[in-house]
C-alpha atoms as a PDB file:
ATOM      1  CA  MET A   1       0.000   0.000   0.000  1.00  0.00           C
ATOM      2  CA  SER A   2       2.846   2.393   0.862  1.00  0.00           C
ATOM      3  CA  THR A   3       4.244   2.417  -2.696  1.00  0.00           C
ATOM      4  CA  HIS A   4       0.775   2.809  -4.162  1.00  0.00           C
ATOM      5  CA  ALA A   5       0.113   5.700  -1.777  1.00  0.00           C
ATOM      6  CA  LEU A   6       3.294   7.448  -2.908  1.00  0.00           C
ATOM      7  CA  GLU A   7       2.247   7.160  -6.548  1.00  0.00           C
ATOM      8  CA  ASN A   8      -1.129   8.686  -5.684  1.00  0.00           C
ATOM      9  CA  PHE A   9       0.521  11.433  -3.682  1.00  0.00           C
ATOM     10  CA  LYS A  10       2.913  12.357  -6.489  1.00  0.00           C
ATOM     11  CA  ARG A  11       0.057  12.504  -8.985  1.00  0.00           C
ATOM     12  CA  ILE A  12      -2.044  14.764  -6.753  1.00  0.00           C
ATOM     13  CA  ASN A  13       0.968  16.876  -5.854  1.00  0.00           C
ATOM     14  CA  ASP A  14       1.643  17.517  -9.541  1.00  0.00           C
ATOM     15  CA  ILE A  15      -1.958  18.637 -10.020  1.00  0.00           C
ATOM     16  CA  VAL A  16      -1.815  20.915  -6.986  1.00  0.00           C
ATOM     17  CA  LYS A  17       1.433  22.554  -8.132  1.00  0.00           C
ATOM     18  CA  LYS A  18      -0.097  23.323 -11.515  1.00  0.00           C
ATOM     19  CA  LEU A  19      -3.113  24.957  -9.877  1.00  0.00           C
ATOM     20  CA  SER A  20      -1.330  26.969  -7.182  1.00  0.00           C
ATOM     21  CA  ASN A  21       2.076  27.641  -5.681  1.00  0.00           C
ATOM     22  CA  LYS A  22       0.464  28.395  -2.323  1.00  0.00           C
ATOM     23  CA  ALA A  23      -1.551  25.245  -1.628  1.00  0.00           C
ATOM     24  CA  ASN A  24      -0.159  22.681   0.818  1.00  0.00           C
ATOM     25  CA  ILE A  25      -1.290  19.072   0.906  1.00  0.00           C
ATOM     26  CA  ILE A  26      -2.164  17.672   4.308  1.00  0.00           C
ATOM     27  CA  ALA A  27      -1.963  13.905   3.916  1.00  0.00           C
ATOM     28  CA  VAL A  28      -4.817  12.719   6.137  1.00  0.00           C
ATOM     29  CA  THR A  29      -3.421   9.659   7.855  1.00  0.00           C
ATOM     30  CA  LYS A  30      -6.112   8.981  10.444  1.00  0.00           C
ATOM     31  CA  THR A  31      -6.650   5.206  10.964  1.00  0.00           C
ATOM     32  CA  PHE A  32      -3.663   4.342   8.754  1.00  0.00           C
ATOM     33  CA  PRO A  33      -0.508   2.873  10.377  1.00  0.00           C
ATOM     34  CA  LEU A  34       2.931   4.329   9.784  1.00  0.00           C
ATOM     35  CA  GLU A  35       3.743   1.440   7.439  1.00  0.00           C
ATOM     36  CA  ALA A  36       1.133   2.810   5.019  1.00  0.00           C
ATOM     37  CA  ILE A  37       2.618   6.297   5.241  1.00  0.00           C
ATOM     38  CA  SER A  38       6.339   5.510   5.293  1.00  0.00           C
ATOM     39  CA  SER A  39       7.013   6.008   1.579  1.00  0.00           C
ATOM     40  CA  ILE A  40       5.514   9.505   1.650  1.00  0.00           C
ATOM     41  CA  ILE A  41       7.512  10.380   4.768  1.00  0.00           C
ATOM     42  CA  SER A  42      10.691   9.135   3.070  1.00  0.00           C
ATOM     43  CA  TYR A  43       9.800  11.187  -0.009  1.00  0.00           C
ATOM     44  CA  GLY A  44      10.060  14.247   2.221  1.00  0.00           C
ATOM     45  CA  HIS A  45       6.463  15.341   2.677  1.00  0.00           C
ATOM     46  CA  LEU A  46       5.960  17.193   5.975  1.00  0.00           C
ATOM     47  CA  HIS A  47       2.239  17.857   6.582  1.00  0.00           C
ATOM     48  CA  TYR A  48      -0.002  15.105   8.021  1.00  0.00           C
ATOM     49  CA  GLY A  49      -3.517  15.203   9.448  1.00  0.00           C
ATOM     50  CA  GLU A  50      -5.034  13.267  12.321  1.00  0.00           C
ATOM     51  CA  ASN A  51      -8.438  13.591  13.976  1.00  0.00           C
ATOM     52  CA  LYS A  52      -7.822  11.858  17.310  1.00  0.00           C
ATOM     53  CA  VAL A  53      -5.270  13.024  19.846  1.00  0.00           C
ATOM     54  CA  LEU A  54      -4.412   9.628  21.329  1.00  0.00           C
ATOM     55  CA  GLU A  55      -3.947   8.025  17.916  1.00  0.00           C
ATOM     56  CA  ALA A  56      -1.635  10.859  16.902  1.00  0.00           C
ATOM     57  CA  ILE A  57       0.463  10.499  20.058  1.00  0.00           C
ATOM     58  CA  ASN A  58       0.774   6.731  19.712  1.00  0.00           C
ATOM     59  CA  LYS A  59       1.571   6.888  16.009  1.00  0.00           C
ATOM     60  CA  TRP A  60       3.862   9.889  15.698  1.00  0.00           C
ATOM     61  CA  SER A  61       5.646  10.550  19.019  1.00  0.00           C
ATOM     62  CA  ASN A  62       8.734   8.447  18.352  1.00  0.00           C
ATOM     63  CA  LEU A  63       9.094   9.640  14.764  1.00  0.00           C
ATOM     64  CA  LEU A  64       8.866  13.315  15.774  1.00  0.00           C
ATOM     65  CA  LYS A  65      11.829  12.807  18.107  1.00  0.00           C
ATOM     66  CA  VAL A  66      14.039  12.068  15.097  1.00  0.00           C
ATOM     67  CA  ASN A  67      12.264  14.202  12.490  1.00  0.00           C
ATOM     68  CA  ASN A  68      10.932  17.396  14.037  1.00  0.00           C
ATOM     69  CA  ALA A  69      10.383  18.953  10.608  1.00  0.00           C
ATOM     70  CA  ILE A  70       7.147  16.959  10.308  1.00  0.00           C
ATOM     71  CA  LYS A  71       4.072  19.029  11.109  1.00  0.00           C
ATOM     72  CA  LEU A  72       0.953  17.363  12.474  1.00  0.00           C
ATOM     73  CA  HIS A  73      -2.446  18.944  11.901  1.00  0.00           C
ATOM     74  CA  MET A  74      -5.436  18.286  14.156  1.00  0.00           C
ATOM     75  CA  ILE A  75      -8.294  18.243  11.660  1.00  0.00           C
ATOM     76  CA  GLY A  76     -11.040  16.681  13.782  1.00  0.00           C
ATOM     77  CA  HIS A  77     -13.109  18.041  16.636  1.00  0.00           C
ATOM     78  CA  LEU A  78     -10.887  18.703  19.632  1.00  0.00           C
ATOM     79  CA  GLN A  79     -12.436  18.015  23.022  1.00  0.00           C
ATOM     80  CA  SER A  80     -11.382  20.575  25.611  1.00  0.00           C
ATOM     81  CA  ASN A  81     -10.136  17.857  27.968  1.00  0.00           C
ATOM     82  CA  LYS A  82      -7.647  16.780  25.273  1.00  0.00           C
ATOM     83  CA  ALA A  83      -6.182  20.255  24.775  1.00  0.00           C
ATOM     84  CA  LYS A  84      -3.020  19.646  26.814  1.00  0.00           C
ATOM     85  CA  GLU A  85      -2.189  16.449  24.931  1.00  0.00           C
ATOM     86  CA  ALA A  86      -3.021  18.098  21.607  1.00  0.00           C
ATOM     87  CA  ILE A  87      -0.550  20.904  22.232  1.00  0.00           C
ATOM     88  CA  SER A  88       2.155  18.349  22.995  1.00  0.00           C
ATOM     89  CA  ILE A  89       1.927  16.638  19.587  1.00  0.00           C
ATOM     90  CA  PHE A  90       0.308  18.998  17.040  1.00  0.00           C
ATOM     91  CA  SER A  91       1.663  22.077  15.266  1.00  0.00           C
ATOM     92  CA  TYR A  92      -1.672  23.154  13.772  1.00  0.00           C
ATOM     93  CA  ILE A  93      -5.248  22.987  15.048  1.00  0.00           C
ATOM     94  CA  HIS A  94      -7.829  23.281  12.258  1.00  0.00           C
ATOM     95  CA  SER A  95     -10.863  22.975  14.513  1.00  0.00           C
ATOM     96  CA  LEU A  96     -10.861  25.950  16.872  1.00  0.00           C
ATOM     97  CA  ASP A  97     -14.605  25.943  17.321  1.00  0.00           C
ATOM     98  CA  SER A  98     -15.634  27.426  20.681  1.00  0.00           C
ATOM     99  CA  GLU A  99     -14.734  30.072  23.216  1.00  0.00           C
ATOM    100  CA  LYS A 100     -14.322  27.398  25.881  1.00  0.00           C
ATOM    101  CA  LEU A 101     -11.759  25.519  23.812  1.00  0.00           C
ATOM    102  CA  ALA A 102      -9.935  28.736  22.920  1.00  0.00           C
ATOM    103  CA  ASN A 103      -9.645  29.712  26.592  1.00  0.00           C
ATOM    104  CA  ILE A 104      -8.224  26.324  27.551  1.00  0.00           C
ATOM    105  CA  LEU A 105      -5.762  26.249  24.660  1.00  0.00           C
ATOM    106  CA  SER A 106      -4.514  29.710  25.592  1.00  0.00           C
ATOM    107  CA  LYS A 107      -3.837  28.612  29.178  1.00  0.00           C
ATOM    108  CA  GLU A 108      -2.162  25.379  28.082  1.00  0.00           C
ATOM    109  CA  GLU A 109       0.081  27.259  25.662  1.00  0.00           C
ATOM    110  CA  GLN A 110       1.304  29.456  28.503  1.00  0.00           C
ATOM    111  CA  ILE A 111       1.962  26.439  30.717  1.00  0.00           C
ATOM    112  CA  SER A 112       3.788  24.473  28.024  1.00  0.00           C
ATOM    113  CA  ASN A 113       5.511  27.498  26.489  1.00  0.00           C
ATOM    114  CA  LYS A 114       4.584  26.193  23.042  1.00  0.00           C
ATOM    115  CA  ARG A 115       2.793  28.135  20.323  1.00  0.00           C
ATOM    116  CA  LEU A 116       0.525  26.490  17.773  1.00  0.00           C
ATOM    117  CA  LYS A 117      -1.127  27.826  14.648  1.00  0.00           C
ATOM    118  CA  TYR A 118      -4.915  27.839  14.527  1.00  0.00           C
ATOM    119  CA  PHE A 119      -7.757  27.810  12.018  1.00  0.00           C
ATOM    120  CA  VAL A 120     -11.203  28.890  13.149  1.00  0.00           C
ATOM    121  CA  GLN A 121     -13.757  26.330  12.008  1.00  0.00           C
ATOM    122  CA  VAL A 122     -16.782  27.964  10.395  1.00  0.00           C
ATOM    123  CA  ASN A 123     -20.102  26.138  10.519  1.00  0.00           C
ATOM    124  CA  TYR A 124     -22.204  27.040   7.501  1.00  0.00           C
ATOM    125  CA  GLY A 125     -25.937  26.647   8.036  1.00  0.00           C
ATOM    126  CA  ASP A 126     -25.367  25.912  11.730  1.00  0.00           C
ATOM    127  CA  GLU A 127     -25.471  22.185  10.994  1.00  0.00           C
ATOM    128  CA  LYS A 128     -26.086  20.404  14.275  1.00  0.00           C
ATOM    129  CA  GLN A 129     -23.945  17.432  13.301  1.00  0.00           C
ATOM    130  CA  LYS A 130     -20.935  19.692  12.742  1.00  0.00           C
ATOM    131  CA  PHE A 131     -18.912  21.876  15.068  1.00  0.00           C
ATOM    132  CA  GLY A 132     -17.798  25.416  14.390  1.00  0.00           C
ATOM    133  CA  ILE A 133     -18.538  29.099  14.752  1.00  0.00           C
ATOM    134  CA  SER A 134     -21.646  30.562  13.093  1.00  0.00           C
ATOM    135  CA  VAL A 135     -20.867  32.796  10.132  1.00  0.00           C
ATOM    136  CA  ASN A 136     -22.317  35.884  11.815  1.00  0.00           C
ATOM    137  CA  LEU A 137     -20.103  35.365  14.890  1.00  0.00           C
ATOM    138  CA  VAL A 138     -16.793  34.598  13.187  1.00  0.00           C
ATOM    139  CA  GLY A 139     -15.469  38.162  13.135  1.00  0.00           C
ATOM    140  CA  ASP A 140     -15.946  38.715  16.863  1.00  0.00           C
ATOM    141  CA  PHE A 141     -14.545  35.264  17.644  1.00  0.00           C
ATOM    142  CA  ILE A 142     -11.387  35.953  15.636  1.00  0.00           C
ATOM    143  CA  LYS A 143     -10.841  39.250  17.461  1.00  0.00           C
ATOM    144  CA  TYR A 144     -11.319  37.567  20.835  1.00  0.00           C
ATOM    145  CA  THR A 145      -8.940  34.690  20.136  1.00  0.00           C
ATOM    146  CA  LYS A 146      -6.239  36.890  18.608  1.00  0.00           C
ATOM    147  CA  ASN A 147      -6.460  40.066  20.680  1.00  0.00           C
ATOM    148  CA  ASP A 148      -7.675  38.858  24.073  1.00  0.00           C
ATOM    149  CA  LEU A 149      -6.141  35.376  24.183  1.00  0.00           C
ATOM    150  CA  GLY A 150      -3.108  35.925  21.993  1.00  0.00           C
ATOM    151  CA  LEU A 151      -3.634  32.780  19.928  1.00  0.00           C
ATOM    152  CA  ASP A 152      -1.880  32.636  16.555  1.00  0.00           C
ATOM    153  CA  VAL A 153      -5.013  32.381  14.428  1.00  0.00           C
ATOM    154  CA  ILE A 154      -3.774  32.182  10.852  1.00  0.00           C
ATOM    155  CA  GLY A 155      -6.910  31.257   8.913  1.00  0.00           C
ATOM    156  CA  LEU A 156     -10.318  29.655   8.567  1.00  0.00           C
ATOM    157  CA  MET A 157     -11.506  26.099   7.988  1.00  0.00           C
ATOM    158  CA  CYS A 158     -14.798  24.737   6.727  1.00  0.00           C
ATOM    159  CA  ILE A 159     -16.436  21.471   5.717  1.00  0.00           C
ATOM    160  CA  PRO A 160     -19.222  22.336   3.242  1.00  0.00           C
ATOM    161  CA  PRO A 161     -22.567  20.494   3.490  1.00  0.00           C
ATOM    162  CA  ALA A 162     -22.195  17.192   1.660  1.00  0.00           C
ATOM    163  CA  ASP A 163     -25.312  17.632  -0.462  1.00  0.00           C
ATOM    164  CA  GLN A 164     -24.494  21.091  -1.834  1.00  0.00           C
ATOM    165  CA  ASP A 165     -22.078  22.591  -4.328  1.00  0.00           C
ATOM    166  CA  PRO A 166     -18.972  23.463  -2.279  1.00  0.00           C
ATOM    167  CA  ALA A 167     -17.895  26.368  -4.502  1.00  0.00           C
ATOM    168  CA  SER A 168     -20.170  28.944  -2.870  1.00  0.00           C
ATOM    169  CA  PHE A 169     -18.934  27.982   0.594  1.00  0.00           C
ATOM    170  CA  PHE A 170     -15.290  28.182  -0.486  1.00  0.00           C
ATOM    171  CA  LEU A 171     -15.918  31.625  -1.969  1.00  0.00           C
ATOM    172  CA  SER A 172     -17.663  32.776   1.190  1.00  0.00           C
ATOM    173  CA  LEU A 173     -14.841  31.530   3.416  1.00  0.00           C
ATOM    174  CA  LYS A 174     -12.308  33.426   1.299  1.00  0.00           C
ATOM    175  CA  LYS A 175     -14.312  36.643   1.689  1.00  0.00           C
ATOM    176  CA  ILE A 176     -14.556  36.214   5.473  1.00  0.00           C
ATOM    177  CA  ALA A 177     -10.812  35.581   5.675  1.00  0.00           C
ATOM    178  CA  ASP A 178     -10.064  38.684   3.611  1.00  0.00           C
ATOM    179  CA  ARG A 179     -12.293  40.844   5.810  1.00  0.00           C
ATOM    180  CA  ASN A 180     -10.429  39.639   8.877  1.00  0.00           C
ATOM    181  CA  ASN A 181      -6.922  39.862   7.397  1.00  0.00           C
ATOM    182  CA  LEU A 182      -6.344  36.107   7.532  1.00  0.00           C
ATOM    183  CA  LEU A 183      -4.098  34.616   4.859  1.00  0.00           C
ATOM    184  CA  GLU A 184      -4.707  30.875   5.222  1.00  0.00           C
ATOM    185  CA  LEU A 185      -7.683  28.753   4.189  1.00  0.00           C
ATOM    186  CA  SER A 186      -8.072  25.087   5.144  1.00  0.00           C
ATOM    187  CA  MET A 187     -10.679  23.755   2.736  1.00  0.00           C
ATOM    188  CA  GLY A 188     -11.060  21.024   0.182  1.00  0.00           C
ATOM    189  CA  MET A 189     -10.763  17.262   0.467  1.00  0.00           C
ATOM    190  CA  SER A 190     -10.247  14.331  -1.908  1.00  0.00           C
ATOM    191  CA  ASN A 191     -13.419  14.968  -3.898  1.00  0.00           C
ATOM    192  CA  ASP A 192     -13.305  18.770  -4.180  1.00  0.00           C
ATOM    193  CA  TYR A 193      -9.732  19.953  -3.622  1.00  0.00           C
ATOM    194  CA  LYS A 194      -9.390  21.385  -7.147  1.00  0.00           C
ATOM    195  CA  HIS A 195     -12.417  23.639  -6.575  1.00  0.00           C
ATOM    196  CA  ALA A 196     -11.023  24.641  -3.193  1.00  0.00           C
ATOM    197  CA  ILE A 197      -7.640  25.615  -4.654  1.00  0.00           C
ATOM    198  CA  ASN A 198      -9.343  27.659  -7.359  1.00  0.00           C
ATOM    199  CA  HIS A 199     -11.080  29.589  -4.566  1.00  0.00           C
ATOM    200  CA  GLY A 200      -7.932  30.271  -2.582  1.00  0.00           C
ATOM    201  CA  ALA A 201      -7.273  27.207  -0.418  1.00  0.00           C
ATOM    202  CA  THR A 202      -3.785  27.166   1.072  1.00  0.00           C
ATOM    203  CA  PHE A 203      -4.186  23.843   2.894  1.00  0.00           C
ATOM    204  CA  ILE A 204      -6.125  20.930   1.415  1.00  0.00           C
ATOM    205  CA  ARG A 205      -6.906  17.774   3.391  1.00  0.00           C
ATOM    206  CA  ILE A 206      -6.397  14.679   1.227  1.00  0.00           C
ATOM    207  CA  GLY A 207      -6.925  11.191   2.618  1.00  0.00           C
ATOM    208  CA  SER A 208      -8.738   8.587   0.538  1.00  0.00           C
ATOM    209  CA  ALA A 209      -7.343   9.835  -2.781  1.00  0.00           C
ATOM    210  CA  ILE A 210      -3.878   9.026  -1.470  1.00  0.00           C
ATOM    211  CA  PHE A 211      -4.337   6.028   0.816  1.00  0.00           C
ATOM    212  CA  GLY A 212      -7.578   4.505  -0.456  1.00  0.00           C
ATOM    213  CA  GLN A 213     -10.838   3.970   1.372  1.00  0.00           C
ATOM    214  CA  ARG A 214     -10.720   3.381   5.100  1.00  0.00           C
ATOM    215  CA  ILE A 215     -12.089   0.082   6.325  1.00  0.00           C
END
């Protein structure tokens, strides 16, 4: 699988480079063991995404001790009681989705003396099954997290509704980011990353298109 994954990665990477010189691929490795990822690591890719803190710690801790250039991205919902562990292993949090979580992360950063980079997760349509900040509250939330808490909020993240054209949501997220002077956009996955890049994505989260379907 590892060799096959590398071939997929190279193909997607070529496409991404042709579309944008700003877009970074986050290889979403959740549920996959290191053996399935090893060829891409050896190739020199640095950005990997996980959605569970404990899995990330168990999978990546030893490797990060010998290769600290690798950057782990928390792309799933982060429970506030996992904030301390998340700070210990991740470089980026893509799911900053509540004031409570922001407050805890700020305190844990001060204790650990480690700074992470954050994306505010925007919840379009206030979908109950998804986490995130309502569109009409994003501006105030960004100001609070940056100015009051001192978090390094670098951009926005969204997961568009599955049954709708993602383009309008990508365009909207770009406009919100521009209004709030944020340069980074985490949007687009295996099925829509080309659309996301065309609308300004700087981080795309690619899993199944590289590693295949999860069992």
